[in-house]
Amino acid sequence: MQTRRSLLQKLSIGAVALISGSKRTLFSSLGAETTAGVEPMANAYRAKVNCAGPEVNGFSADQAYRKGSWGYTHGGQYFMCDSVSNDYGIPAAIKTLRYSCGAPFHYKFDVPNGSYRVKMYFVSPNELYGPRMFDVVLNGNIVLPNFRAFPVNTGFLKQFDNTAVTDGEIDITFRSINDACLINAIEVEQTSAAMPPLQAEASAAP
């Protein structure tokens, strides 16, 4: 009797252990499947540009665009603000700006595909010809229509998360509406190697 009872107990314990082991295997498999589609960010792309200025405050010196890198294209000239309030902790970088009175100008970044955070810093040094207004177009979408950085000599930061890149390029276009369009500093940071979720389409640029 004792032998039979001991045998049954051993069989019960073995069955529990087997079931527990199966659960652990099942949960491990589910975990692996859940995380398998997420690509790790080993070397995330980052660029910080001091538009029309030198290397300062952790921002790189500006440069003309070249294939495989980044930079400005289609014109744009240099200017420096005398003073800036609300400088976001980059007092030297935010003072310099690139601008264009006529044709639009661009900043282009050749980047890996994925999701990006794009930050743009603006300071309008004056308004000599009425309200300074311009459009900012990010990868074909108008993200800042009729934008006005006002009051003058004040820093403004505009941030755009979940910017999708599928063709290896980020293109930021600045188009004048009244007076010159401008940009003081830009930050581009890859947040994921995967595409962001689908969002409502923004206004398409002509």
C-alpha atoms as a PDB file:
ATOM      1  CA  MET A   1       0.000   0.000   0.000  1.00  0.00           C
ATOM      2  CA  GLN A   2       2.734   2.398   1.028  1.00  0.00           C
ATOM      3  CA  THR A   3       4.717   1.625  -2.085  1.00  0.00           C
ATOM      4  CA  ARG A   4       1.716   2.245  -4.340  1.00  0.00           C
ATOM      5  CA  ARG A   5       0.903   5.557  -2.595  1.00  0.00           C
ATOM      6  CA  SER A   6       4.530   6.728  -2.906  1.00  0.00           C
ATOM      7  CA  LEU A   7       4.507   5.819  -6.574  1.00  0.00           C
ATOM      8  CA  LEU A   8       1.323   7.843  -7.179  1.00  0.00           C
ATOM      9  CA  GLN A   9       2.778  10.838  -5.347  1.00  0.00           C
ATOM     10  CA  LYS A  10       5.933  10.710  -7.463  1.00  0.00           C
ATOM     11  CA  LEU A  11       3.863  10.507 -10.648  1.00  0.00           C
ATOM     12  CA  SER A  12       1.754  13.521  -9.512  1.00  0.00           C
ATOM     13  CA  ILE A  13       4.842  15.583  -8.717  1.00  0.00           C
ATOM     14  CA  GLY A  14       6.359  14.657 -12.068  1.00  0.00           C
ATOM     15  CA  ALA A  15       3.190  15.694 -13.883  1.00  0.00           C
ATOM     16  CA  VAL A  16       3.125  19.077 -12.088  1.00  0.00           C
ATOM     17  CA  ALA A  17       6.765  19.640 -12.925  1.00  0.00           C
ATOM     18  CA  LEU A  18       6.132  18.744 -16.560  1.00  0.00           C
ATOM     19  CA  ILE A  19       3.149  21.117 -16.758  1.00  0.00           C
ATOM     20  CA  SER A  20       5.117  23.892 -15.055  1.00  0.00           C
ATOM     21  CA  GLY A  21       8.005  23.354 -17.435  1.00  0.00           C
ATOM     22  CA  SER A  22       5.637  23.487 -20.399  1.00  0.00           C
ATOM     23  CA  LYS A  23       4.196  26.800 -19.124  1.00  0.00           C
ATOM     24  CA  ARG A  24       7.648  28.284 -18.764  1.00  0.00           C
ATOM     25  CA  THR A  25       8.487  27.205 -22.302  1.00  0.00           C
ATOM     26  CA  LEU A  26       5.203  28.615 -23.582  1.00  0.00           C
ATOM     27  CA  PHE A  27       5.713  31.989 -21.861  1.00  0.00           C
ATOM     28  CA  SER A  28       9.303  32.161 -23.100  1.00  0.00           C
ATOM     29  CA  SER A  29       8.150  31.501 -26.635  1.00  0.00           C
ATOM     30  CA  LEU A  30       5.449  34.153 -26.385  1.00  0.00           C
ATOM     31  CA  GLY A  31       7.989  36.643 -25.071  1.00  0.00           C
ATOM     32  CA  ALA A  32      10.384  35.863 -27.898  1.00  0.00           C
ATOM     33  CA  GLU A  33       7.630  36.287 -30.467  1.00  0.00           C
ATOM     34  CA  THR A  34       6.526  39.571 -28.885  1.00  0.00           C
ATOM     35  CA  THR A  35       9.973  41.142 -29.006  1.00  0.00           C
ATOM     36  CA  ALA A  36      11.268  39.520 -32.175  1.00  0.00           C
ATOM     37  CA  GLY A  37       9.802  42.227 -34.430  1.00  0.00           C
ATOM     38  CA  VAL A  38      11.450  45.099 -32.494  1.00  0.00           C
ATOM     39  CA  GLU A  39      14.818  46.051 -33.924  1.00  0.00           C
ATOM     40  CA  PRO A  40      17.376  47.172 -31.329  1.00  0.00           C
ATOM     41  CA  MET A  41      18.914  50.656 -31.787  1.00  0.00           C
ATOM     42  CA  ALA A  42      22.605  49.796 -31.688  1.00  0.00           C
ATOM     43  CA  ASN A  43      23.807  52.902 -33.564  1.00  0.00           C
ATOM     44  CA  ALA A  44      20.978  55.404 -33.723  1.00  0.00           C
ATOM     45  CA  TYR A  45      21.491  58.284 -36.169  1.00  0.00           C
ATOM     46  CA  ARG A  46      21.945  61.708 -34.565  1.00  0.00           C
ATOM     47  CA  ALA A  47      22.790  65.124 -35.992  1.00  0.00           C
ATOM     48  CA  LYS A  48      22.802  68.554 -34.335  1.00  0.00           C
ATOM     49  CA  VAL A  49      23.322  71.511 -36.666  1.00  0.00           C
ATOM     50  CA  ASN A  50      24.174  75.092 -35.778  1.00  0.00           C
ATOM     51  CA  CYS A  51      22.607  76.697 -38.834  1.00  0.00           C
ATOM     52  CA  ALA A  52      25.004  79.218 -40.426  1.00  0.00           C
ATOM     53  CA  GLY A  53      27.320  78.995 -37.429  1.00  0.00           C
ATOM     54  CA  PRO A  54      30.428  77.223 -36.075  1.00  0.00           C
ATOM     55  CA  GLU A  55      30.671  74.176 -33.823  1.00  0.00           C
ATOM     56  CA  VAL A  56      29.331  75.250 -30.432  1.00  0.00           C
ATOM     57  CA  ASN A  57      27.053  74.093 -27.571  1.00  0.00           C
ATOM     58  CA  GLY A  58      27.353  70.481 -28.794  1.00  0.00           C
ATOM     59  CA  PHE A  59      26.080  71.434 -32.268  1.00  0.00           C
ATOM     60  CA  SER A  60      28.111  70.822 -35.427  1.00  0.00           C
ATOM     61  CA  ALA A  61      29.301  73.620 -37.686  1.00  0.00           C
ATOM     62  CA  ASP A  62      27.001  74.195 -40.636  1.00  0.00           C
ATOM     63  CA  GLN A  63      27.888  72.872 -44.091  1.00  0.00           C
ATOM     64  CA  ALA A  64      26.559  72.655 -47.621  1.00  0.00           C
ATOM     65  CA  TYR A  65      24.760  69.398 -48.387  1.00  0.00           C
ATOM     66  CA  ARG A  66      26.751  66.519 -49.817  1.00  0.00           C
ATOM     67  CA  LYS A  67      25.531  63.051 -50.725  1.00  0.00           C
ATOM     68  CA  GLY A  68      25.693  60.589 -47.854  1.00  0.00           C
ATOM     69  CA  SER A  69      25.824  63.341 -45.239  1.00  0.00           C
ATOM     70  CA  TRP A  70      23.697  66.405 -44.430  1.00  0.00           C
ATOM     71  CA  GLY A  71      23.605  70.142 -45.006  1.00  0.00           C
ATOM     72  CA  TYR A  72      21.777  73.095 -46.544  1.00  0.00           C
ATOM     73  CA  THR A  73      20.989  73.453 -50.232  1.00  0.00           C
ATOM     74  CA  HIS A  74      19.319  75.887 -52.639  1.00  0.00           C
ATOM     75  CA  GLY A  75      20.682  79.075 -51.137  1.00  0.00           C
ATOM     76  CA  GLY A  76      20.271  80.501 -47.698  1.00  0.00           C
ATOM     77  CA  GLN A  77      22.421  83.199 -46.111  1.00  0.00           C
ATOM     78  CA  TYR A  78      23.975  83.916 -42.725  1.00  0.00           C
ATOM     79  CA  PHE A  79      22.789  86.243 -39.957  1.00  0.00           C
ATOM     80  CA  MET A  80      23.367  86.585 -36.218  1.00  0.00           C
ATOM     81  CA  CYS A  81      20.889  87.833 -33.587  1.00  0.00           C
ATOM     82  CA  ASP A  82      22.189  90.448 -31.153  1.00  0.00           C
ATOM     83  CA  SER A  83      20.385  88.883 -28.202  1.00  0.00           C
ATOM     84  CA  VAL A  84      17.995  85.978 -27.612  1.00  0.00           C
ATOM     85  CA  SER A  85      15.652  85.322 -24.710  1.00  0.00           C
ATOM     86  CA  ASN A  86      14.511  81.747 -24.030  1.00  0.00           C
ATOM     87  CA  ASP A  87      17.671  80.204 -25.529  1.00  0.00           C
ATOM     88  CA  TYR A  88      16.929  76.555 -24.493  1.00  0.00           C
ATOM     89  CA  GLY A  89      20.408  76.176 -23.031  1.00  0.00           C
ATOM     90  CA  ILE A  90      22.175  76.697 -26.369  1.00  0.00           C
ATOM     91  CA  PRO A  91      22.940  80.443 -26.099  1.00  0.00           C
ATOM     92  CA  ALA A  92      25.558  80.571 -28.862  1.00  0.00           C
ATOM     93  CA  ALA A  93      24.039  78.082 -31.327  1.00  0.00           C
ATOM     94  CA  ILE A  94      20.592  79.670 -31.256  1.00  0.00           C
ATOM     95  CA  LYS A  95      21.945  83.130 -32.156  1.00  0.00           C
ATOM     96  CA  THR A  96      23.051  82.250 -35.670  1.00  0.00           C
ATOM     97  CA  LEU A  97      20.545  81.621 -38.445  1.00  0.00           C
ATOM     98  CA  ARG A  98      20.314  80.804 -42.114  1.00  0.00           C
ATOM     99  CA  TYR A  99      17.702  82.650 -44.141  1.00  0.00           C
ATOM    100  CA  SER A 100      16.412  83.269 -47.655  1.00  0.00           C
ATOM    101  CA  CYS A 101      14.303  86.169 -48.922  1.00  0.00           C
ATOM    102  CA  GLY A 102      13.325  84.659 -52.249  1.00  0.00           C
ATOM    103  CA  ALA A 103      13.502  81.022 -53.297  1.00  0.00           C
ATOM    104  CA  PRO A 104      12.976  78.307 -50.676  1.00  0.00           C
ATOM    105  CA  PHE A 105      16.004  76.645 -49.145  1.00  0.00           C
ATOM    106  CA  HIS A 106      16.422  73.161 -47.699  1.00  0.00           C
ATOM    107  CA  TYR A 107      18.260  71.127 -45.113  1.00  0.00           C
ATOM    108  CA  LYS A 108      18.733  67.512 -46.135  1.00  0.00           C
ATOM    109  CA  PHE A 109      19.872  64.547 -44.049  1.00  0.00           C
ATOM    110  CA  ASP A 110      20.760  61.171 -45.600  1.00  0.00           C
ATOM    111  CA  VAL A 111      19.692  58.742 -42.875  1.00  0.00           C
ATOM    112  CA  PRO A 112      18.775  55.070 -42.310  1.00  0.00           C
ATOM    113  CA  ASN A 113      15.080  54.283 -42.669  1.00  0.00           C
ATOM    114  CA  GLY A 114      13.049  54.314 -39.464  1.00  0.00           C
ATOM    115  CA  SER A 115      11.325  56.703 -37.059  1.00  0.00           C
ATOM    116  CA  TYR A 116      12.813  60.068 -36.130  1.00  0.00           C
ATOM    117  CA  ARG A 117      12.424  62.993 -33.770  1.00  0.00           C
ATOM    118  CA  VAL A 118      13.128  66.335 -35.448  1.00  0.00           C
ATOM    119  CA  LYS A 119      13.645  69.515 -33.427  1.00  0.00           C
ATOM    120  CA  MET A 120      13.827  72.981 -34.981  1.00  0.00           C
ATOM    121  CA  TYR A 121      14.854  76.177 -33.203  1.00  0.00           C
ATOM    122  CA  PHE A 122      13.729  79.575 -34.483  1.00  0.00           C
ATOM    123  CA  VAL A 123      14.515  83.179 -33.558  1.00  0.00           C
ATOM    124  CA  SER A 124      13.274  86.093 -35.650  1.00  0.00           C
ATOM    125  CA  PRO A 125      15.734  88.994 -35.212  1.00  0.00           C
ATOM    126  CA  ASN A 126      13.328  91.658 -36.513  1.00  0.00           C
ATOM    127  CA  GLU A 127      10.184  92.375 -38.507  1.00  0.00           C
ATOM    128  CA  LEU A 128      11.035  95.255 -40.813  1.00  0.00           C
ATOM    129  CA  TYR A 129       8.415  94.485 -43.473  1.00  0.00           C
ATOM    130  CA  GLY A 130       5.409  93.396 -41.437  1.00  0.00           C
ATOM    131  CA  PRO A 131       4.889  90.014 -39.766  1.00  0.00           C
ATOM    132  CA  ARG A 132       7.582  87.520 -40.805  1.00  0.00           C
ATOM    133  CA  MET A 133       5.701  84.428 -41.963  1.00  0.00           C
ATOM    134  CA  PHE A 134       6.811  81.252 -43.719  1.00  0.00           C
ATOM    135  CA  ASP A 135       5.980  77.580 -44.210  1.00  0.00           C
ATOM    136  CA  VAL A 136       8.095  74.712 -42.917  1.00  0.00           C
ATOM    137  CA  VAL A 137       7.753  71.469 -44.886  1.00  0.00           C
ATOM    138  CA  LEU A 138       9.042  68.180 -43.453  1.00  0.00           C
ATOM    139  CA  ASN A 139       9.346  65.293 -45.935  1.00  0.00           C
ATOM    140  CA  GLY A 140       6.627  66.735 -48.137  1.00  0.00           C
ATOM    141  CA  ASN A 141       4.192  67.641 -45.337  1.00  0.00           C
ATOM    142  CA  ILE A 142       3.547  71.197 -44.176  1.00  0.00           C
ATOM    143  CA  VAL A 143       4.204  70.909 -40.445  1.00  0.00           C
ATOM    144  CA  LEU A 144       4.291  74.649 -39.708  1.00  0.00           C
ATOM    145  CA  PRO A 145       1.965  76.573 -42.034  1.00  0.00           C
ATOM    146  CA  ASN A 146       2.140  80.378 -41.913  1.00  0.00           C
ATOM    147  CA  PHE A 147       4.640  80.136 -39.071  1.00  0.00           C
ATOM    148  CA  ARG A 148       5.641  83.295 -37.215  1.00  0.00           C
ATOM    149  CA  ALA A 149       8.371  83.279 -34.563  1.00  0.00           C
ATOM    150  CA  PHE A 150       7.040  86.171 -32.514  1.00  0.00           C
ATOM    151  CA  PRO A 151       7.942  88.104 -30.354  1.00  0.00           C
ATOM    152  CA  VAL A 152      11.236  88.878 -32.055  1.00  0.00           C
ATOM    153  CA  ASN A 153      14.536  87.928 -30.418  1.00  0.00           C
ATOM    154  CA  THR A 154      12.788  85.066 -28.625  1.00  0.00           C
ATOM    155  CA  GLY A 155      13.672  81.396 -29.068  1.00  0.00           C
ATOM    156  CA  PHE A 156      10.983  78.935 -30.206  1.00  0.00           C
ATOM    157  CA  LEU A 157      11.409  75.156 -30.280  1.00  0.00           C
ATOM    158  CA  LYS A 158       9.167  73.021 -32.492  1.00  0.00           C
ATOM    159  CA  GLN A 159       9.426  69.235 -32.123  1.00  0.00           C
ATOM    160  CA  PHE A 160       8.093  66.573 -34.483  1.00  0.00           C
ATOM    161  CA  ASP A 161       8.020  62.967 -33.238  1.00  0.00           C
ATOM    162  CA  ASN A 162       7.353  59.790 -35.252  1.00  0.00           C
ATOM    163  CA  THR A 163       8.715  61.234 -38.474  1.00  0.00           C
ATOM    164  CA  ALA A 164       8.813  58.260 -40.846  1.00  0.00           C
ATOM    165  CA  VAL A 165      11.687  57.784 -43.273  1.00  0.00           C
ATOM    166  CA  THR A 166      11.263  55.162 -45.999  1.00  0.00           C
ATOM    167  CA  ASP A 167      13.602  56.509 -48.708  1.00  0.00           C
ATOM    168  CA  GLY A 168      16.742  57.272 -46.688  1.00  0.00           C
ATOM    169  CA  GLU A 169      16.245  61.049 -46.532  1.00  0.00           C
ATOM    170  CA  ILE A 170      14.883  63.784 -44.300  1.00  0.00           C
ATOM    171  CA  ASP A 171      14.156  66.974 -46.234  1.00  0.00           C
ATOM    172  CA  ILE A 172      13.214  70.178 -44.415  1.00  0.00           C
ATOM    173  CA  THR A 173      12.100  73.027 -46.676  1.00  0.00           C
ATOM    174  CA  PHE A 174      11.642  76.670 -45.680  1.00  0.00           C
ATOM    175  CA  ARG A 175       9.372  78.789 -47.913  1.00  0.00           C
ATOM    176  CA  SER A 176       8.823  82.514 -47.497  1.00  0.00           C
ATOM    177  CA  ILE A 177       5.324  83.997 -47.309  1.00  0.00           C
ATOM    178  CA  ASN A 178       6.248  87.470 -46.067  1.00  0.00           C
ATOM    179  CA  ASP A 179       9.861  88.557 -45.528  1.00  0.00           C
ATOM    180  CA  ALA A 180      12.648  85.986 -45.172  1.00  0.00           C
ATOM    181  CA  CYS A 181      12.212  82.416 -43.945  1.00  0.00           C
ATOM    182  CA  LEU A 182      14.835  81.265 -41.457  1.00  0.00           C
ATOM    183  CA  ILE A 183      16.132  78.511 -39.171  1.00  0.00           C
ATOM    184  CA  ASN A 184      18.606  78.740 -36.271  1.00  0.00           C
ATOM    185  CA  ALA A 185      19.360  75.149 -35.256  1.00  0.00           C
ATOM    186  CA  ILE A 186      18.193  71.612 -36.056  1.00  0.00           C
ATOM    187  CA  GLU A 187      18.375  68.297 -34.214  1.00  0.00           C
ATOM    188  CA  VAL A 188      17.629  64.968 -35.905  1.00  0.00           C
ATOM    189  CA  GLU A 189      17.525  61.772 -33.810  1.00  0.00           C
ATOM    190  CA  GLN A 190      16.523  58.255 -34.811  1.00  0.00           C
ATOM    191  CA  THR A 191      14.131  56.820 -32.221  1.00  0.00           C
ATOM    192  CA  SER A 192      13.440  53.433 -33.836  1.00  0.00           C
ATOM    193  CA  ALA A 193      14.543  51.337 -36.792  1.00  0.00           C
ATOM    194  CA  ALA A 194      10.871  50.449 -37.310  1.00  0.00           C
ATOM    195  CA  MET A 195       8.230  52.579 -38.978  1.00  0.00           C
ATOM    196  CA  PRO A 196       5.896  54.576 -36.688  1.00  0.00           C
ATOM    197  CA  PRO A 197       2.196  53.727 -36.636  1.00  0.00           C
ATOM    198  CA  LEU A 198       0.074  55.197 -39.420  1.00  0.00           C
ATOM    199  CA  GLN A 199      -1.117  58.723 -38.686  1.00  0.00           C
ATOM    200  CA  ALA A 200      -3.500  61.144 -40.341  1.00  0.00           C
ATOM    201  CA  GLU A 201      -1.832  62.709 -43.358  1.00  0.00           C
ATOM    202  CA  ALA A 202      -0.631  66.287 -43.006  1.00  0.00           C
ATOM    203  CA  SER A 203      -1.036  68.892 -45.728  1.00  0.00           C
ATOM    204  CA  ALA A 204       0.957  67.837 -48.764  1.00  0.00           C
ATOM    205  CA  ALA A 205       3.422  70.373 -50.081  1.00  0.00           C
ATOM    206  CA  PRO A 206       3.006  71.383 -53.726  1.00  0.00           C
END
